[in-house]
Amino acid sequence: MHWVYILKCADASYYIGSTNDVERRLWEHNNKFYKGYTSTRLPVELVCSFDFPTEHDAFLFERQIKGWTRAKKEALTRGDWNGIHEVVKKERKERERKKRKAS
C-alpha cells in the first residue's frame, strides 16, 4: 500500500508527501532524518493520509494536491468535498474577473 500524507507544521504551513509507511515517515520528519522543508518547522503533525494501490497513483495525487491552494488543502483534510468544489468555483470566478479586468 502507498500513501499520500498531509502534515501540519509548527508554523501552520502544510507539507505533502508520499510513502509506503506513514508512521515511519512521520517519525523521520519529526526527528530531522531528512534535511528540508519540515526540518525547520518542527514539530509536525499528521493531519490526514490517503491510501493508493500503486506508488504511481500516490505520486500523481501528491503532485496534484501540492499545487492546490491552502483553502483546498484544508477542505481536503476535513474530507469536505463540497468545500473543495466551492473553493474551485471561487477561484474560477476570481480568475475570470482578473481576465476581464486585464482586457
Protein backbone atom coordinates (compact mmCIF):
# COMPACT_ATOMS: atom_id res chain seq x y z
CA MET A 1 0.00 0.00 0.00
CA HIS A 2 1.20 3.51 -0.80
CA TRP A 3 0.12 6.67 0.95
CA VAL A 4 -0.12 10.39 0.39
CA TYR A 5 0.02 12.28 3.65
CA ILE A 6 -0.50 15.86 4.77
CA LEU A 7 1.44 17.25 7.70
CA LYS A 8 0.76 20.47 9.53
CA CYS A 9 3.99 22.17 10.55
CA ALA A 10 4.66 24.24 13.66
CA ASP A 11 4.36 27.41 11.56
CA ALA A 12 0.87 26.25 10.41
CA SER A 13 2.06 25.54 6.86
CA TYR A 14 1.28 22.22 5.20
CA TYR A 15 3.66 19.63 3.83
CA ILE A 16 2.52 16.93 1.41
CA GLY A 17 4.45 13.77 0.73
CA SER A 18 4.09 10.11 -0.17
CA THR A 19 5.42 6.93 1.39
CA ASN A 20 4.76 3.25 1.93
CA ASP A 21 4.91 3.65 5.75
CA VAL A 22 3.19 6.72 7.19
CA GLU A 23 4.19 6.14 10.84
CA ARG A 24 7.87 5.71 9.95
CA ARG A 25 7.80 8.78 7.71
CA LEU A 26 6.18 10.93 10.41
CA TRP A 27 8.92 9.82 12.83
CA GLU A 28 11.57 10.67 10.23
CA HIS A 29 10.14 14.16 9.75
CA ASN A 30 9.96 14.87 13.48
CA ASN A 31 13.49 13.56 14.07
CA LYS A 32 15.13 15.55 11.24
CA PHE A 33 16.02 12.36 9.40
CA TYR A 34 15.96 14.39 6.19
CA LYS A 35 17.04 18.00 5.85
CA GLY A 36 14.43 20.06 4.07
CA TYR A 37 11.15 21.88 4.45
CA THR A 38 9.88 20.21 7.61
CA SER A 39 13.22 20.09 9.45
CA THR A 40 12.97 23.83 10.13
CA ARG A 41 9.26 23.75 11.01
CA LEU A 42 9.07 21.18 13.80
CA PRO A 43 7.15 19.62 15.29
CA VAL A 44 4.89 18.36 12.54
CA GLU A 45 1.65 16.50 12.99
CA LEU A 46 -0.15 14.14 10.65
CA VAL A 47 -3.40 15.76 9.54
CA CYS A 48 -4.61 13.07 7.15
CA SER A 49 -3.50 10.37 4.76
CA PHE A 50 -4.91 8.65 1.69
CA ASP A 51 -4.08 5.14 0.53
CA PHE A 52 -3.45 4.12 -3.07
CA PRO A 53 -2.95 0.73 -4.71
CA THR A 54 0.23 1.76 -6.51
CA GLU A 55 3.17 4.08 -5.93
CA HIS A 56 2.39 5.76 -9.24
CA ASP A 57 -1.20 6.55 -8.20
CA ALA A 58 0.06 8.04 -4.93
CA PHE A 59 2.68 10.07 -6.80
CA LEU A 60 0.06 11.51 -9.18
CA PHE A 61 -2.25 12.54 -6.33
CA GLU A 62 0.66 14.04 -4.36
CA ARG A 63 1.67 16.14 -7.36
CA GLN A 64 -1.92 17.25 -7.92
CA ILE A 65 -2.61 18.47 -4.39
CA LYS A 66 0.80 20.10 -3.93
CA GLY A 67 -0.41 22.70 -6.42
CA TRP A 68 -3.65 23.36 -4.56
CA THR A 69 -4.37 26.49 -2.58
CA ARG A 70 -4.36 26.38 1.20
CA ALA A 71 -8.18 26.58 1.23
CA LYS A 72 -8.49 23.49 -0.97
CA LYS A 73 -5.93 21.59 1.13
CA GLU A 74 -7.82 22.46 4.32
CA ALA A 75 -11.12 21.31 2.81
CA LEU A 76 -9.41 18.07 1.77
CA THR A 77 -8.08 17.48 5.29
CA ARG A 78 -11.64 17.83 6.58
CA GLY A 79 -12.94 15.42 3.93
CA ASP A 80 -15.15 18.28 2.75
CA TRP A 81 -15.63 17.56 -0.96
CA ASN A 82 -18.35 20.20 -1.24
CA GLY A 83 -15.92 22.69 0.29
CA ILE A 84 -13.32 21.82 -2.33
CA HIS A 85 -15.94 22.38 -5.02
CA GLU A 86 -16.85 25.77 -3.53
CA VAL A 87 -13.20 26.83 -3.40
CA VAL A 88 -12.76 25.83 -7.05
CA LYS A 89 -15.81 27.90 -8.01
CA LYS A 90 -14.46 30.95 -6.13
CA GLU A 91 -11.02 30.56 -7.70
CA ARG A 92 -12.56 30.28 -11.17
CA LYS A 93 -14.66 33.43 -10.63
CA GLU A 94 -11.59 35.32 -9.42
CA ARG A 95 -9.55 34.26 -12.48
CA GLU A 96 -12.40 35.32 -14.78
CA ARG A 97 -12.69 38.68 -13.00
CA LYS A 98 -8.95 39.32 -13.37
CA LYS A 99 -9.06 38.28 -17.01
CA ARG A 100 -11.91 40.72 -17.73
CA LYS A 101 -10.13 43.49 -15.84
CA ALA A 102 -6.95 42.94 -17.89
CA SER A 103 -8.85 43.16 -21.20
